């Protein structure tokens, strides 16, 4: 039973990661004020500007622009385009 439940969770996480890895990529500008654990990014999709607060995910304070992935039909949902931004949180929940 333990292996079956973990197999289902692993399959769901694999679909989640595949979904984000196939999502479109764009560049986002980091907005001020800078915070220690989150960043506010502004990005443009189809001539419309979106702004979202994301987890910092290891982004250095010196960076002014980052790569993000967004959902094609819901551009206001985005994640930092890195292992920490896409996979770290779901994997940590699974480990708990």
N, C-alpha and C. Protein backbone atom coordinates (compact mmCIF):
# COMPACT_ATOMS: atom_id res chain seq x y z
N UNK A 1 0.82 -1.19 0.00
CA UNK A 1 0.00 0.00 0.00
C UNK A 1 0.87 1.26 0.00
N UNK A 2 1.94 1.25 0.80
CA UNK A 2 2.85 2.38 0.86
C UNK A 2 3.44 2.69 -0.51
N UNK A 3 3.90 1.65 -1.21
CA UNK A 3 4.48 1.85 -2.53
C UNK A 3 3.44 2.32 -3.54
N UNK A 4 2.22 1.82 -3.42
CA UNK A 4 1.16 2.26 -4.34
C UNK A 4 0.84 3.74 -4.15
N UNK A 5 0.72 4.17 -2.90
CA UNK A 5 0.41 5.58 -2.63
C UNK A 5 1.56 6.46 -3.10
N UNK A 6 2.80 6.06 -2.81
CA UNK A 6 3.95 6.85 -3.26
C UNK A 6 4.05 6.84 -4.78
N UNK A 7 3.69 5.77 -5.42
CA UNK A 7 3.69 5.72 -6.88
C UNK A 7 2.69 6.70 -7.48
N UNK A 8 1.52 6.78 -6.88
CA UNK A 8 0.50 7.73 -7.35
C UNK A 8 0.99 9.17 -7.16
N UNK A 9 1.56 9.45 -6.00
CA UNK A 9 2.09 10.80 -5.73
C UNK A 9 3.21 11.12 -6.72
N UNK A 10 4.11 10.18 -6.97
CA UNK A 10 5.20 10.39 -7.93
C UNK A 10 4.66 10.64 -9.33
N UNK A 11 3.62 9.93 -9.73
CA UNK A 11 3.02 10.14 -11.05
C UNK A 11 2.39 11.52 -11.15
N UNK A 12 1.70 11.95 -10.11
CA UNK A 12 1.09 13.29 -10.11
C UNK A 12 2.17 14.35 -10.18
N UNK A 13 3.25 14.20 -9.42
CA UNK A 13 4.35 15.16 -9.47
C UNK A 13 5.02 15.18 -10.84
N UNK A 14 5.16 14.02 -11.46
CA UNK A 14 5.77 13.97 -12.80
C UNK A 14 4.90 14.72 -13.81
N UNK A 15 3.59 14.56 -13.74
CA UNK A 15 2.68 15.29 -14.64
C UNK A 15 2.77 16.79 -14.37
N UNK A 16 2.80 17.18 -13.09
CA UNK A 16 2.92 18.59 -12.70
C UNK A 16 4.20 19.20 -13.29
N UNK A 17 5.33 18.51 -13.11
CA UNK A 17 6.60 19.03 -13.62
C UNK A 17 6.61 19.07 -15.14
N UNK A 18 6.07 18.06 -15.78
CA UNK A 18 6.01 18.06 -17.25
C UNK A 18 5.15 19.21 -17.75
N UNK A 19 4.04 19.47 -17.06
CA UNK A 19 3.17 20.58 -17.41
C UNK A 19 3.93 21.90 -17.40
N UNK A 20 4.70 22.15 -16.31
CA UNK A 20 5.45 23.40 -16.21
C UNK A 20 6.62 23.44 -17.17
N UNK A 21 7.26 22.29 -17.44
CA UNK A 21 8.41 22.29 -18.36
C UNK A 21 7.98 22.55 -19.81
N UNK A 22 6.73 22.27 -20.14
CA UNK A 22 6.22 22.53 -21.49
C UNK A 22 5.57 23.91 -21.61
N UNK A 23 5.46 24.63 -20.51
CA UNK A 23 4.84 25.96 -20.51
C UNK A 23 5.75 26.97 -21.22
N UNK A 24 5.15 28.01 -21.82
CA UNK A 24 5.96 29.05 -22.47
C UNK A 24 6.86 29.79 -21.49
N UNK A 25 7.96 30.31 -22.01
CA UNK A 25 8.95 31.04 -21.20
C UNK A 25 8.99 32.49 -21.66
N UNK A 26 9.17 33.40 -20.70
CA UNK A 26 9.35 34.81 -21.01
C UNK A 26 10.30 35.43 -19.98
N UNK A 27 10.72 36.64 -20.24
CA UNK A 27 11.59 37.37 -19.31
C UNK A 27 10.73 38.28 -18.44
N UNK A 28 11.10 38.39 -17.17
CA UNK A 28 10.36 39.24 -16.23
C UNK A 28 11.34 40.17 -15.52
N UNK A 29 10.90 41.40 -15.29
CA UNK A 29 11.70 42.36 -14.56
C UNK A 29 11.32 42.30 -13.09
N UNK A 30 12.34 42.29 -12.22
CA UNK A 30 12.11 42.28 -10.78
C UNK A 30 11.83 43.71 -10.34
N UNK A 31 10.73 43.88 -9.62
CA UNK A 31 10.29 45.20 -9.16
C UNK A 31 10.74 45.43 -7.73
N UNK A 32 10.88 46.67 -7.35
CA UNK A 32 11.21 47.04 -5.98
C UNK A 32 9.92 47.15 -5.18
N UNK A 33 9.92 46.99 -3.88
CA UNK A 33 11.06 46.80 -2.99
C UNK A 33 11.50 45.34 -2.99
N UNK A 34 12.79 45.13 -2.78
CA UNK A 34 13.35 43.79 -2.71
C UNK A 34 13.10 43.21 -1.33
N UNK A 35 12.66 41.97 -1.29
CA UNK A 35 12.40 41.29 -0.02
C UNK A 35 13.28 40.05 0.06
N UNK A 36 13.46 39.53 1.26
CA UNK A 36 14.38 38.41 1.45
C UNK A 36 13.84 37.08 0.93
N UNK A 37 12.52 36.87 0.96
CA UNK A 37 11.99 35.57 0.56
C UNK A 37 11.07 35.60 -0.65
N UNK A 38 10.69 36.76 -1.13
CA UNK A 38 9.83 36.86 -2.31
C UNK A 38 10.34 37.94 -3.26
N UNK A 39 9.92 37.83 -4.51
CA UNK A 39 10.19 38.87 -5.49
C UNK A 39 8.88 39.21 -6.19
N UNK A 40 8.73 40.46 -6.54
CA UNK A 40 7.59 40.89 -7.34
C UNK A 40 8.13 41.08 -8.75
N UNK A 41 7.53 40.34 -9.70
CA UNK A 41 8.00 40.41 -11.08
C UNK A 41 6.91 41.00 -11.96
N UNK A 42 7.35 41.63 -13.02
CA UNK A 42 6.44 42.20 -14.01
C UNK A 42 6.87 41.66 -15.37
N UNK A 43 5.90 41.12 -16.11
CA UNK A 43 6.20 40.53 -17.41
C UNK A 43 5.06 40.79 -18.38
N UNK A 44 5.38 40.68 -19.65
CA UNK A 44 4.43 41.02 -20.71
C UNK A 44 4.13 39.77 -21.52
N UNK A 45 2.83 39.48 -21.72
CA UNK A 45 2.38 38.37 -22.55
C UNK A 45 1.26 38.90 -23.44
N UNK A 46 1.42 38.74 -24.74
CA UNK A 46 0.41 39.20 -25.71
C UNK A 46 0.03 40.66 -25.48
N UNK A 47 1.04 41.51 -25.33
CA UNK A 47 0.86 42.96 -25.17
C UNK A 47 0.13 43.35 -23.89
N UNK A 48 -0.04 42.44 -22.96
CA UNK A 48 -0.65 42.77 -21.68
C UNK A 48 0.40 42.54 -20.58
N UNK A 49 0.47 43.47 -19.64
CA UNK A 49 1.47 43.41 -18.56
C UNK A 49 0.84 42.75 -17.34
N UNK A 50 1.58 41.80 -16.77
CA UNK A 50 1.16 41.09 -15.56
C UNK A 50 2.18 41.35 -14.47
N UNK A 51 1.71 41.32 -13.23
CA UNK A 51 2.59 41.47 -12.08
C UNK A 51 2.22 40.39 -11.08
N UNK A 52 3.24 39.73 -10.53
CA UNK A 52 2.98 38.64 -9.60
C UNK A 52 4.10 38.56 -8.56
N UNK A 53 3.74 38.12 -7.37
CA UNK A 53 4.72 37.89 -6.31
C UNK A 53 5.07 36.41 -6.31
N UNK A 54 6.36 36.11 -6.42
CA UNK A 54 6.85 34.74 -6.47
C UNK A 54 7.86 34.51 -5.36
N UNK A 55 8.06 33.24 -4.99
CA UNK A 55 9.13 32.92 -4.04
C UNK A 55 10.47 33.25 -4.67
N UNK A 56 11.40 33.69 -3.88
CA UNK A 56 12.72 34.11 -4.39
C UNK A 56 13.44 32.96 -5.07
N UNK A 57 13.36 31.75 -4.56
CA UNK A 57 13.92 30.55 -5.20
C UNK A 57 15.39 30.70 -5.56
N UNK A 58 16.17 31.28 -4.68
CA UNK A 58 17.60 31.38 -4.90
C UNK A 58 18.04 32.48 -5.84
N UNK A 59 17.16 33.40 -6.19
CA UNK A 59 17.52 34.50 -7.10
C UNK A 59 18.38 35.50 -6.33
N UNK A 60 19.58 35.82 -6.85
CA UNK A 60 20.42 36.80 -6.15
C UNK A 60 19.81 38.20 -6.17
N UNK A 61 20.14 38.99 -5.17
CA UNK A 61 19.60 40.35 -5.07
C UNK A 61 20.08 41.24 -6.22
N UNK A 62 21.23 40.93 -6.81
CA UNK A 62 21.78 41.75 -7.89
C UNK A 62 21.02 41.59 -9.20
N UNK A 63 20.27 40.51 -9.36
CA UNK A 63 19.55 40.27 -10.62
C UNK A 63 18.39 41.25 -10.77
N UNK A 64 18.23 41.76 -11.97
CA UNK A 64 17.12 42.68 -12.27
C UNK A 64 16.10 42.04 -13.21
N UNK A 65 16.49 40.93 -13.87
CA UNK A 65 15.61 40.27 -14.84
C UNK A 65 15.80 38.76 -14.70
N UNK A 66 14.69 38.02 -14.73
CA UNK A 66 14.75 36.57 -14.62
C UNK A 66 13.87 35.92 -15.69
N UNK A 67 14.06 34.64 -15.88
CA UNK A 67 13.25 33.86 -16.79
C UNK A 67 12.13 33.19 -15.99
N UNK A 68 10.91 33.27 -16.50
CA UNK A 68 9.77 32.63 -15.84
C UNK A 68 9.00 31.79 -16.85
N UNK A 69 8.23 30.86 -16.35
CA UNK A 69 7.30 30.07 -17.16
C UNK A 69 5.90 30.44 -16.72
N UNK A 70 4.98 30.54 -17.69
CA UNK A 70 3.60 30.90 -17.38
C UNK A 70 2.66 29.95 -18.13
N UNK A 71 1.45 29.85 -17.64
CA UNK A 71 0.45 29.00 -18.28
C UNK A 71 -0.12 29.75 -19.47
N UNK A 72 -0.17 29.10 -20.62
CA UNK A 72 -0.59 29.76 -21.86
C UNK A 72 -1.97 30.39 -21.80
N UNK A 73 -2.94 29.71 -21.21
CA UNK A 73 -4.30 30.25 -21.17
C UNK A 73 -4.58 31.05 -19.90
N UNK A 74 -3.65 31.05 -18.94
CA UNK A 74 -3.75 31.84 -17.72
C UNK A 74 -2.40 32.50 -17.45
N UNK A 75 -2.00 33.50 -18.22
CA UNK A 75 -0.66 34.08 -18.07
C UNK A 75 -0.37 34.67 -16.69
N UNK A 76 -1.39 34.94 -15.90
CA UNK A 76 -1.14 35.50 -14.57
C UNK A 76 -0.61 34.45 -13.61
N UNK A 77 -0.61 33.17 -13.98
CA UNK A 77 -0.01 32.11 -13.16
C UNK A 77 1.37 31.83 -13.70
N UNK A 78 2.38 32.08 -12.91
CA UNK A 78 3.77 31.91 -13.37
C UNK A 78 4.62 31.31 -12.27
N UNK A 79 5.76 30.76 -12.67
CA UNK A 79 6.76 30.21 -11.76
C UNK A 79 8.14 30.61 -12.26
N UNK A 80 9.09 30.74 -11.33
CA UNK A 80 10.47 31.02 -11.70
C UNK A 80 10.99 29.82 -12.47
N UNK A 81 11.67 30.05 -13.58
CA UNK A 81 12.15 28.98 -14.44
C UNK A 81 13.47 28.41 -13.90
N UNK A 82 13.37 27.65 -12.82
CA UNK A 82 14.53 27.00 -12.21
C UNK A 82 14.03 25.77 -11.45
N UNK A 83 14.95 24.91 -11.06
CA UNK A 83 14.55 23.75 -10.27
C UNK A 83 13.86 24.18 -8.98
N UNK A 84 14.43 25.16 -8.32
CA UNK A 84 13.83 25.64 -7.07
C UNK A 84 12.44 26.24 -7.30
N UNK A 85 12.26 26.93 -8.40
CA UNK A 85 10.98 27.56 -8.67
C UNK A 85 9.90 26.60 -9.12
N UNK A 86 10.29 25.56 -9.85
CA UNK A 86 9.31 24.63 -10.41
C UNK A 86 9.08 23.39 -9.54
N UNK A 87 10.13 22.84 -8.96
CA UNK A 87 10.00 21.52 -8.35
C UNK A 87 10.24 21.46 -6.85
N UNK A 88 10.92 22.41 -6.27
CA UNK A 88 11.32 22.28 -4.87
C UNK A 88 10.13 22.18 -3.92
N UNK A 89 9.15 23.04 -4.07
CA UNK A 89 8.02 23.02 -3.13
C UNK A 89 7.22 21.72 -3.21
N UNK A 90 6.81 21.25 -4.40
CA UNK A 90 6.08 19.97 -4.43
C UNK A 90 6.91 18.79 -3.91
N UNK A 91 8.20 18.78 -4.21
CA UNK A 91 9.04 17.70 -3.72
C UNK A 91 9.18 17.73 -2.20
N UNK A 92 9.26 18.92 -1.63
CA UNK A 92 9.36 19.02 -0.17
C UNK A 92 8.06 18.56 0.50
N UNK A 93 6.91 18.90 -0.10
CA UNK A 93 5.65 18.42 0.45
C UNK A 93 5.58 16.90 0.40
N UNK A 94 6.08 16.31 -0.66
CA UNK A 94 6.08 14.86 -0.80
C UNK A 94 6.98 14.21 0.26
N UNK A 95 8.13 14.82 0.52
CA UNK A 95 9.05 14.27 1.50
C UNK A 95 8.49 14.34 2.92
N UNK A 96 7.64 15.34 3.18
CA UNK A 96 7.04 15.46 4.50
C UNK A 96 6.08 14.30 4.69
